[in-house]
Protein backbone atom coordinates (compact mmCIF):
# COMPACT_ATOMS: atom_id res chain seq x y z
CA MET A 1 0.00 0.00 0.00
CA LYS A 2 1.13 3.52 -0.77
CA LEU A 3 1.25 6.42 1.67
CA GLN A 4 -1.35 9.03 0.80
CA LEU A 5 -0.65 12.77 1.15
CA ASP A 6 -3.40 14.52 -0.77
CA SER A 7 -2.49 18.05 -1.83
CA ASP A 8 -5.99 19.15 -0.75
CA ARG A 9 -5.88 17.37 2.61
CA LEU A 10 -7.98 18.96 5.37
CA PHE A 11 -9.77 21.23 2.91
CA PRO A 12 -13.60 21.15 2.64
CA VAL A 13 -15.21 18.45 0.50
CA ASP A 14 -17.41 20.94 -1.35
CA ALA A 15 -15.50 21.90 -4.53
CA ALA A 16 -16.23 25.63 -4.48
CA THR A 17 -15.31 25.99 -0.80
CA ARG A 18 -12.24 23.84 -1.34
CA ASP A 19 -11.04 26.16 -4.11
CA ILE A 20 -11.25 29.15 -1.75
CA ALA A 21 -9.46 27.25 1.01
CA ARG A 22 -6.67 26.20 -1.37
CA ALA A 23 -6.12 29.79 -2.48
CA LEU A 24 -6.05 31.04 1.12
CA TYR A 25 -3.61 28.32 2.16
CA GLU A 26 -1.27 29.17 -0.72
CA ARG A 27 -0.92 32.68 0.70
CA VAL A 28 0.65 31.34 3.91
CA ALA A 29 2.10 27.94 2.98
CA GLU A 30 5.67 29.24 2.73
CA LEU A 31 5.59 31.91 5.45
CA PRO A 32 8.17 31.54 8.25
CA ILE A 33 7.31 29.40 11.26
CA LEU A 34 6.97 31.17 14.60
CA SER A 35 7.20 28.63 17.42
CA PRO A 36 7.09 30.59 20.70
CA HIS A 37 6.37 27.58 22.94
CA GLY A 38 7.96 24.14 22.66
CA HIS A 39 10.26 21.59 24.22
CA VAL A 40 13.05 20.96 21.73
CA ALA A 41 16.40 21.02 23.54
CA PRO A 42 18.61 23.94 22.43
CA SER A 43 21.63 21.61 22.51
CA LEU A 44 20.16 19.87 19.46
CA LEU A 45 21.01 22.96 17.39
CA ARG A 46 24.15 23.88 19.27
CA ASP A 47 25.72 20.44 18.77
CA ASP A 48 24.23 19.90 15.29
CA ARG A 49 24.88 16.17 15.40
CA SER A 50 23.19 13.74 13.04
CA PHE A 51 20.08 12.09 14.45
CA ALA A 52 20.79 8.66 15.89
CA ASP A 53 18.27 6.48 14.04
CA PRO A 54 14.64 6.43 12.85
CA ALA A 55 13.36 4.99 16.12
CA ASP A 56 14.96 7.67 18.28
CA LEU A 57 13.76 10.35 15.88
CA PHE A 58 10.15 9.30 15.34
CA ILE A 59 9.14 7.10 18.27
CA VAL A 60 11.09 7.01 21.53
CA HIS A 61 10.55 10.65 22.51
CA ASP A 62 7.07 11.12 21.03
CA HIS A 63 4.42 10.42 23.67
CA TYR A 64 1.66 10.53 21.07
CA VAL A 65 3.24 7.49 19.42
CA THR A 66 4.42 5.48 22.40
CA ARG A 67 1.20 5.76 24.39
CA LEU A 68 -0.95 4.36 21.57
CA LEU A 69 1.48 1.52 20.95
CA HIS A 70 1.44 0.80 24.69
CA ALA A 71 -2.36 0.76 24.67
CA ALA A 72 -2.18 -1.88 21.94
CA GLY A 73 0.02 -4.11 24.09
CA VAL A 74 3.57 -3.03 23.22
CA ASP A 75 5.51 -2.62 26.46
CA LEU A 76 7.21 0.73 26.90
CA ASP A 77 10.46 -1.08 27.70
CA GLU A 78 10.38 -2.49 24.19
CA LEU A 79 10.18 1.08 22.87
CA GLY A 80 13.13 2.38 24.88
CA VAL A 81 10.99 4.80 26.88
CA GLY A 82 12.01 6.37 30.18
CA ARG A 83 14.58 4.69 32.39
CA SER A 84 14.38 1.32 30.66
CA ALA A 85 17.43 -0.35 29.16
CA PRO A 86 18.30 0.79 25.62
CA ALA A 87 16.14 -0.96 23.07
CA ASP A 88 17.19 -2.21 19.64
CA PRO A 89 16.17 0.74 17.42
CA ARG A 90 15.33 -1.50 14.49
CA GLU A 91 12.95 -3.52 16.68
CA VAL A 92 11.37 -0.28 17.94
CA TRP A 93 10.82 0.82 14.34
CA ARG A 94 9.33 -2.57 13.48
CA ALA A 95 6.84 -2.15 16.33
CA LEU A 96 5.58 1.06 14.74
CA ALA A 97 5.54 -0.39 11.24
CA ARG A 98 3.49 -3.47 12.12
CA ASN A 99 1.02 -1.29 14.07
CA TRP A 100 0.77 1.51 11.51
CA HIS A 101 -2.97 0.93 11.12
CA LEU A 102 -3.47 2.09 14.73
CA PHE A 103 -2.54 5.63 13.76
CA ILE A 104 -4.93 6.12 10.85
CA GLY A 105 -7.22 9.05 11.68
CA THR A 106 -5.03 10.27 14.56
CA SER A 107 -3.09 13.51 14.61
CA SER A 108 0.18 11.65 15.17
CA GLY A 109 -0.52 9.46 12.13
CA TYR A 110 -1.17 12.58 10.08
CA TRP A 111 2.10 14.21 11.20
CA LEU A 112 4.15 11.04 10.70
CA THR A 113 2.79 10.64 7.17
CA HIS A 114 3.62 14.28 6.40
CA GLU A 115 7.18 13.81 7.70
CA LEU A 116 7.82 10.53 5.91
CA VAL A 117 6.54 11.78 2.56
CA THR A 118 7.77 15.37 2.49
CA LEU A 119 11.16 14.89 4.17
CA PHE A 120 12.17 11.37 3.25
CA GLY A 121 10.25 10.70 0.04
CA VAL A 122 8.69 7.54 1.48
CA GLU A 123 6.11 6.02 -0.86
CA ASP A 124 5.33 2.69 0.77
CA GLU A 125 3.19 2.47 3.89
CA PRO A 126 5.06 1.13 6.95
CA SER A 127 4.31 -2.55 7.56
CA ASP A 128 6.03 -5.78 8.51
CA ALA A 129 7.02 -6.22 4.88
CA THR A 130 8.46 -2.70 4.39
CA ALA A 131 9.84 -1.96 7.88
CA ASP A 132 13.50 -2.87 7.29
CA ALA A 133 13.74 -1.22 3.89
CA LEU A 134 12.23 1.99 5.24
CA TYR A 135 14.53 1.90 8.27
CA ASP A 136 17.59 1.59 6.03
CA ALA A 137 16.44 4.31 3.62
CA ILE A 138 15.69 6.78 6.41
CA SER A 139 18.96 5.95 8.19
CA ALA A 140 20.88 6.69 5.01
CA ARG A 141 19.23 10.09 4.73
CA LEU A 142 19.92 10.88 8.38
CA ALA A 143 23.63 10.32 7.79
CA THR A 144 23.77 13.19 5.27
CA ASP A 145 24.51 16.84 6.08
CA GLU A 146 21.09 17.87 4.71
CA PHE A 147 19.42 16.08 7.62
CA ARG A 148 21.44 17.55 10.46
CA PRO A 149 19.41 19.74 12.83
CA ARG A 150 20.62 23.15 11.61
CA ALA A 151 20.05 22.29 7.97
CA LEU A 152 16.52 21.14 8.81
CA PHE A 153 15.90 24.26 10.91
CA ASP A 154 16.63 26.34 7.81
CA ARG A 155 14.68 24.01 5.53
CA PHE A 156 11.65 24.21 7.80
CA GLY A 157 11.69 28.02 7.62
CA ILE A 158 11.73 28.47 11.38
CA GLU A 159 12.24 32.12 12.30
CA VAL A 160 11.72 31.81 16.05
CA MET A 161 11.73 28.73 18.29
CA ALA A 162 11.35 28.85 22.08
CA THR A 163 12.58 26.17 24.45
CA THR A 164 11.41 25.38 28.00
CA ASP A 165 14.02 25.88 30.71
CA ASP A 166 14.63 25.52 34.43
CA PRO A 167 14.89 28.89 36.25
CA MET A 168 18.41 28.03 37.45
CA ASP A 169 19.68 27.09 33.99
CA ASP A 170 22.77 29.13 33.10
CA LEU A 171 21.42 29.44 29.51
CA ALA A 172 24.93 28.91 28.19
CA VAL A 173 23.64 26.95 25.20
CA HIS A 174 21.32 29.80 24.24
CA ALA A 175 24.17 32.27 24.57
CA GLU A 176 26.37 30.14 22.31
CA LEU A 177 23.67 29.95 19.65
CA ALA A 178 23.01 33.69 19.84
CA ALA A 179 26.73 34.42 19.40
CA ASP A 180 27.25 31.93 16.57
CA PRO A 181 27.39 33.82 13.24
CA SER A 182 26.76 30.61 11.31
CA PHE A 183 23.36 30.14 12.95
CA ARG A 184 20.71 32.57 11.71
CA GLY A 185 17.65 31.55 13.75
CA ARG A 186 16.30 32.84 17.05
CA VAL A 187 16.16 30.24 19.82
CA LEU A 188 14.60 31.77 22.92
CA PRO A 189 14.61 30.40 26.47
CA THR A 190 11.37 30.18 28.44
CA PHE A 191 11.17 30.56 32.22
CA ARG A 192 9.39 27.47 33.67
CA PRO A 193 9.22 27.83 37.50
CA ASP A 194 6.65 25.16 38.47
CA ALA A 195 8.99 23.13 40.68
CA TYR A 196 10.01 26.33 42.52
CA LEU A 197 6.42 27.42 43.27
CA ASP A 198 4.66 24.19 44.21
CA PRO A 199 5.42 22.88 47.74
CA THR A 200 4.11 19.43 46.79
CA SER A 201 6.93 19.02 44.28
CA PRO A 202 9.50 16.55 45.71
CA ALA A 203 12.32 18.84 44.58
CA PHE A 204 10.82 22.00 46.13
CA PRO A 205 13.15 22.27 49.19
CA GLU A 206 16.29 21.65 47.13
CA ASN A 207 15.16 24.00 44.36
CA VAL A 208 14.30 26.81 46.75
CA GLY A 209 17.62 26.36 48.53
CA ARG A 210 19.57 26.81 45.30
CA LEU A 211 17.35 29.69 44.22
CA THR A 212 17.64 31.73 47.42
CA GLU A 213 21.34 31.04 47.68
CA SER A 214 21.80 32.59 44.24
CA ALA A 215 20.31 35.83 45.60
CA GLY A 216 22.24 35.74 48.87
CA ALA A 217 19.03 35.23 50.85
CA ALA A 218 18.16 32.85 53.68
CA THR A 219 16.11 29.89 52.55
CA ASP A 220 13.16 30.82 54.80
CA ASP A 221 13.17 34.52 53.81
CA PHE A 222 10.03 35.07 51.70
CA ALA A 223 11.12 38.51 50.49
CA GLY A 224 14.47 37.02 49.47
CA TYR A 225 12.68 34.18 47.69
CA LEU A 226 10.62 36.66 45.66
CA ARG A 227 13.71 38.72 44.91
CA ALA A 228 15.55 35.61 43.73
CA LEU A 229 12.70 34.73 41.35
CA GLU A 230 12.73 38.28 39.99
CA ASP A 231 16.51 38.10 39.51
CA ARG A 232 16.27 34.85 37.56
CA ARG A 233 13.48 36.22 35.40
CA ALA A 234 15.65 39.27 34.64
CA PHE A 235 18.47 36.93 33.64
CA PHE A 236 16.15 35.12 31.25
CA VAL A 237 14.99 38.42 29.74
CA GLN A 238 18.62 39.42 29.22
CA ASN A 239 19.10 36.17 27.32
CA GLY A 240 16.16 36.69 24.99
CA ALA A 241 13.23 35.14 26.82
CA VAL A 242 9.78 36.48 25.96
CA SER A 243 7.60 34.27 28.16
CA ALA A 244 7.21 32.42 31.44
CA ASP A 245 5.28 29.16 31.30
CA HIS A 246 3.22 27.61 34.09
CA GLY A 247 2.18 23.96 33.90
CA VAL A 248 -0.20 23.87 36.85
CA ARG A 249 -2.85 21.31 37.68
CA GLU A 250 -5.45 24.07 38.14
CA PRO A 251 -5.30 27.79 37.34
CA PHE A 252 -6.16 28.64 40.95
CA THR A 253 -5.09 32.06 42.24
CA VAL A 254 -5.42 33.78 45.62
CA ASP A 255 -4.35 37.24 46.76
CA LEU A 256 -2.74 37.04 50.22
CA ASP A 257 -1.28 39.78 52.36
CA GLU A 258 2.48 39.68 52.79
CA SER A 259 2.51 38.26 56.30
CA ALA A 260 0.14 35.39 55.47
CA ALA A 261 2.14 34.54 52.35
CA ALA A 262 5.42 34.63 54.27
CA GLU A 263 4.05 32.29 56.94
CA LEU A 264 2.90 29.78 54.32
CA TYR A 265 6.28 30.02 52.62
CA ARG A 266 8.11 29.16 55.82
CA GLY A 267 5.82 26.15 56.24
CA ALA A 268 6.51 25.14 52.63
CA VAL A 269 10.26 25.25 53.24
CA ARG A 270 9.86 23.15 56.40
CA GLY A 271 7.55 20.71 54.62
CA THR A 272 4.73 21.17 57.16
CA LEU A 273 1.93 22.53 54.97
CA THR A 274 -1.36 20.69 54.63
CA PRO A 275 -2.54 19.92 51.08
CA GLU A 276 -4.96 22.89 51.23
CA GLU A 277 -2.23 25.21 52.50
CA SER A 278 0.04 24.06 49.68
CA ARG A 279 -2.76 24.82 47.20
CA VAL A 280 -3.22 28.30 48.64
CA PHE A 281 0.50 29.04 48.56
CA SER A 282 0.81 27.85 44.94
CA GLY A 283 -2.23 29.94 44.03
CA HIS A 284 -0.69 33.02 45.58
CA MET A 285 2.56 32.40 43.74
CA LEU A 286 0.74 32.17 40.41
CA LEU A 287 -0.67 35.62 41.19
CA GLN A 288 2.86 36.77 42.09
CA MET A 289 4.03 35.56 38.68
CA ALA A 290 1.44 37.85 37.09
CA ARG A 291 2.76 40.75 39.16
CA MET A 292 6.27 40.02 37.98
CA SER A 293 5.09 39.76 34.36
CA VAL A 294 3.52 43.20 34.64
CA ASN A 295 6.90 44.51 35.80
CA ASP A 296 9.30 42.68 33.50
CA GLY A 297 7.09 42.13 30.45
CA LEU A 298 7.39 38.34 30.20
CA VAL A 299 4.29 36.86 28.58
CA MET A 300 2.54 34.57 31.06
CA THR A 301 1.29 31.29 29.61
CA ILE A 302 -0.79 28.88 31.71
CA HIS A 303 -1.05 25.20 30.75
CA PRO A 304 -3.38 23.61 33.33
CA GLY A 305 -5.66 20.64 33.67
CA VAL A 306 -3.43 17.57 33.37
CA LEU A 307 -3.05 14.85 35.98
CA ARG A 308 0.59 13.93 35.61
CA ASN A 309 1.84 10.36 35.90
CA HIS A 310 -1.61 8.78 36.05
CA SER A 311 -0.17 5.25 36.14
CA ARG A 312 1.73 5.00 39.42
CA SER A 313 3.40 1.71 38.51
CA THR A 314 4.61 3.13 35.19
CA PHE A 315 5.93 6.22 36.94
CA GLU A 316 7.78 4.18 39.55
CA ARG A 317 9.30 1.98 36.85
CA LEU A 318 10.09 4.49 34.09
CA GLY A 319 9.78 7.96 35.58
CA PRO A 320 7.83 11.05 34.43
CA ASP A 321 6.94 12.11 30.88
CA THR A 322 6.37 8.57 29.70
CA GLY A 323 2.95 8.99 28.10
CA HIS A 324 0.41 8.62 30.91
CA ASP A 325 -0.51 12.23 31.67
CA ILE A 326 -4.32 12.48 31.43
CA PRO A 327 -6.52 15.60 30.98
CA MET A 328 -8.87 16.85 33.70
CA ASN A 329 -11.70 19.36 33.93
CA THR A 330 -10.49 22.96 34.09
CA GLU A 331 -12.21 26.02 35.58
CA TYR A 332 -10.92 29.49 34.80
CA THR A 333 -13.62 32.06 35.63
CA ASN A 334 -13.51 31.78 39.42
CA ASN A 335 -9.96 30.47 39.73
CA LEU A 336 -8.43 33.39 37.84
CA ARG A 337 -10.63 36.14 39.25
CA PRO A 338 -8.22 37.21 42.05
CA LEU A 339 -5.40 37.55 39.53
CA LEU A 340 -7.56 39.42 37.03
CA GLU A 341 -9.02 41.70 39.71
CA ARG A 342 -5.49 42.77 40.52
CA TYR A 343 -3.77 42.74 37.11
CA GLY A 344 -6.31 41.94 34.39
CA LEU A 345 -6.53 45.52 33.11
CA GLU A 346 -2.76 46.03 33.02
CA LYS A 347 -1.71 46.68 29.43
CA ASN A 348 1.76 45.22 29.94
CA LEU A 349 0.37 41.82 30.99
CA HIS A 350 -0.15 39.22 28.28
CA LEU A 351 -1.84 36.18 29.84
CA ILE A 352 -2.34 33.27 27.43
CA LEU A 353 -4.75 30.60 28.62
CA PHE A 354 -4.41 27.06 27.28
CA THR A 355 -6.61 24.09 28.07
CA VAL A 356 -7.09 20.42 27.28
CA ASP A 357 -10.73 20.73 28.38
CA GLU A 358 -12.37 21.98 25.20
CA THR A 359 -15.65 22.76 26.99
CA VAL A 360 -13.83 25.76 28.48
CA PHE A 361 -13.09 27.45 25.14
CA SER A 362 -16.56 28.85 24.50
CA ARG A 363 -17.75 28.96 28.12
CA GLU A 364 -14.83 30.72 29.80
CA VAL A 365 -11.65 31.37 27.82
CA ALA A 366 -13.18 33.20 24.85
CA PRO A 367 -15.41 35.41 27.05
CA LEU A 368 -12.42 36.30 29.27
CA ALA A 369 -10.32 37.17 26.22
CA GLY A 370 -13.27 39.09 24.82
CA PHE A 371 -13.16 41.51 27.77
CA TYR A 372 -9.77 41.63 29.45
CA PRO A 373 -7.07 43.26 27.31
CA SER A 374 -4.49 41.11 29.10
CA VAL A 375 -6.08 37.74 28.22
CA PHE A 376 -5.39 35.80 25.02
CA VAL A 377 -6.86 32.47 23.89
CA GLY A 378 -4.21 29.75 23.76
CA ALA A 379 -4.29 27.54 20.70
CA PRO A 380 -5.52 23.94 21.01
CA TRP A 381 -2.88 22.09 22.96
CA TRP A 382 -1.75 18.51 23.50
CA PHE A 383 -4.70 16.15 22.95
CA LEU A 384 -6.61 18.93 21.16
CA ASP A 385 -3.97 19.93 18.59
CA ALA A 386 -5.65 17.65 16.07
CA PRO A 387 -7.65 18.44 12.91
CA ASP A 388 -11.23 18.01 14.12
CA ALA A 389 -10.49 19.53 17.54
CA ILE A 390 -8.89 22.60 15.94
CA GLN A 391 -11.99 23.14 13.80
CA ARG A 392 -14.18 22.84 16.90
CA PHE A 393 -11.89 25.34 18.63
CA ARG A 394 -12.27 27.88 15.81
CA SER A 395 -16.05 27.57 15.96
CA ALA A 396 -16.06 27.77 19.76
CA VAL A 397 -13.98 30.91 20.20
CA THR A 398 -14.34 33.00 17.06
CA GLU A 399 -17.96 34.06 17.54
CA THR A 400 -17.07 35.50 20.97
CA ALA A 401 -13.44 36.62 20.69
CA GLY A 402 -12.84 36.88 16.94
CA PHE A 403 -9.57 35.94 15.24
CA TYR A 404 -7.31 38.49 16.90
CA ARG A 405 -7.46 37.54 20.59
CA GLY A 406 -5.51 34.32 20.17
CA SER A 407 -1.94 33.12 20.53
CA GLY A 408 -1.42 31.85 17.01
CA PHE A 409 -0.71 28.16 16.53
CA ILE A 410 1.55 26.55 19.15
CA ASP A 411 3.26 23.27 18.29
CA ASP A 412 4.39 22.54 21.91
CA THR A 413 6.51 19.63 20.76
CA ARG A 414 9.64 17.70 21.62
CA ALA A 415 9.53 16.03 18.19
CA PHE A 416 11.63 18.41 16.10
CA LEU A 417 10.69 16.93 12.72
CA SER A 418 6.98 17.37 13.43
CA ILE A 419 7.17 21.18 13.70
CA PRO A 420 6.50 21.95 10.01
CA ALA A 421 3.85 19.21 9.80
CA ARG A 422 1.96 20.69 12.74
CA HIS A 423 2.12 24.28 11.49
CA ASP A 424 1.13 23.24 7.98
CA MET A 425 -1.88 21.40 9.44
CA ALA A 426 -2.97 24.51 11.36
CA ARG A 427 -2.65 26.72 8.28
CA ARG A 428 -4.76 24.34 6.21
CA LEU A 429 -7.45 24.17 8.87
CA ASP A 430 -7.62 27.95 9.27
CA ALA A 431 -7.89 28.25 5.49
CA ALA A 432 -10.75 25.73 5.53
CA PHE A 433 -12.55 27.58 8.32
CA LEU A 434 -12.20 30.96 6.62
CA ALA A 435 -13.32 29.51 3.28
CA ARG A 436 -16.55 28.39 4.90
CA LEU A 437 -17.14 31.89 6.27
CA VAL A 438 -16.62 33.31 2.79
CA ARG A 439 -19.06 30.85 1.23
CA GLU A 440 -21.64 31.59 3.92
CA GLY A 441 -21.36 35.31 3.29
CA ARG A 442 -19.90 35.99 6.74
CA ALA A 443 -16.55 37.31 5.48
CA SER A 444 -15.33 38.64 2.15
CA GLU A 445 -12.45 37.01 0.31
CA ALA A 446 -10.34 40.12 0.92
CA GLN A 447 -11.01 39.89 4.66
CA ALA A 448 -10.18 36.19 4.69
CA GLU A 449 -6.94 36.85 2.80
CA ARG A 450 -5.85 39.34 5.43
CA ILE A 451 -6.88 37.16 8.38
CA ILE A 452 -5.10 34.01 7.16
CA VAL A 453 -1.80 35.92 6.97
CA ASP A 454 -2.35 37.60 10.34
CA LEU A 455 -3.08 34.25 12.04
CA VAL A 456 0.35 33.02 10.97
CA ASP A 457 2.29 36.23 11.48
CA SER A 458 0.99 39.28 13.35
CA VAL A 459 -1.25 37.42 15.82
CA PRO A 460 1.54 35.33 17.44
CA ARG A 461 3.96 38.27 17.21
CA LYS A 462 1.54 40.41 19.23
CA ALA A 463 0.53 37.75 21.76
CA PHE A 464 4.13 36.72 22.50
CA LYS A 465 5.67 40.19 22.06
CA LEU A 466 7.93 38.95 19.27
């Protein structure tokens, strides 16, 4: 069987609407990629080493792929995931090939097909019969200079790519890339302080100790703790950061007076807080992050609503980030009100709200972004960054917030080769949505032509202060 990559994929079935969508897509198909939130390691581009093998590139680090294979009965150890012993990469690739049918209709199957066809010229569908030949052909390509990370970065047309970084990172890799005249892209660090704000994090005491020490403050000094966070944020800004990212379980915020916050902080350092006290302290610190964003200009992105490490036995055996993080219900209106009461009307605050609970888009996120100048609608994320979910998202938010209160598409990926596939998908879907509005008489072609370009360019530039 042959791999199918229709040139009109994701466009409407109706011929007249499809023609409009195709023309709109062609206006943005070759525009540069702006990727202001993601998880690709900056060392990938600094070192510029050839990728190890097809399994490491396409499977081992892609949770979309490994979790579905695991659900079908393939053990994660066999896929080389987490802390397991190294797996035979050819056997890992064979596991994907013989289970290729599992990915038909999924977003990961769509991206993998795009990558295999457009980058590697693969014509035959992965299967038991073709697995070894495909593995050898891809491996041969990966050994060439054209498939090293920097060459692909240029080929993909990436103008800006943000990473996700620990607050105490020295950002030396970013500095090396910025100073390298042979590298023309922008790779921006992102301040990710979750483990320094959440007392329930096992690393909280150690993290806070290192953080306060860097500012010359006592570990139990709340004012020194805040000053240390501000200092680290300033360091990130000096090194090109434009945003601070918060991966919280719930977007809960609370506005405490200084003495109450300081008392909770001391309890957090001692490890004596109750679960509710830990929740209150974390909620106050999320509000403090908004205060700091008002002062230093870092865009504040919130990625809530995921129960991490849902399978305890898998976590204990293989560690975190091994494919069993599961979405939860998310509530924004009441949880964010203390933060928005204090800072929601501040023009220097850009607060981008993401969710994996798509019921929130029309009920809460779009109405908040439709009033507060500080609030922007985060693009569909994680389980929702898929074709049908993105179309539902556009329908859910546009009637309330329009096209210009969003973040632009966010790929949020560790899988470097999937970046152009994901952005191309989003551009096609926006073209399809706008084409329908044109056909329904709800937008003119001229308006749609302007909007499709803005969604790719000016909208993310504004939201992320690029």
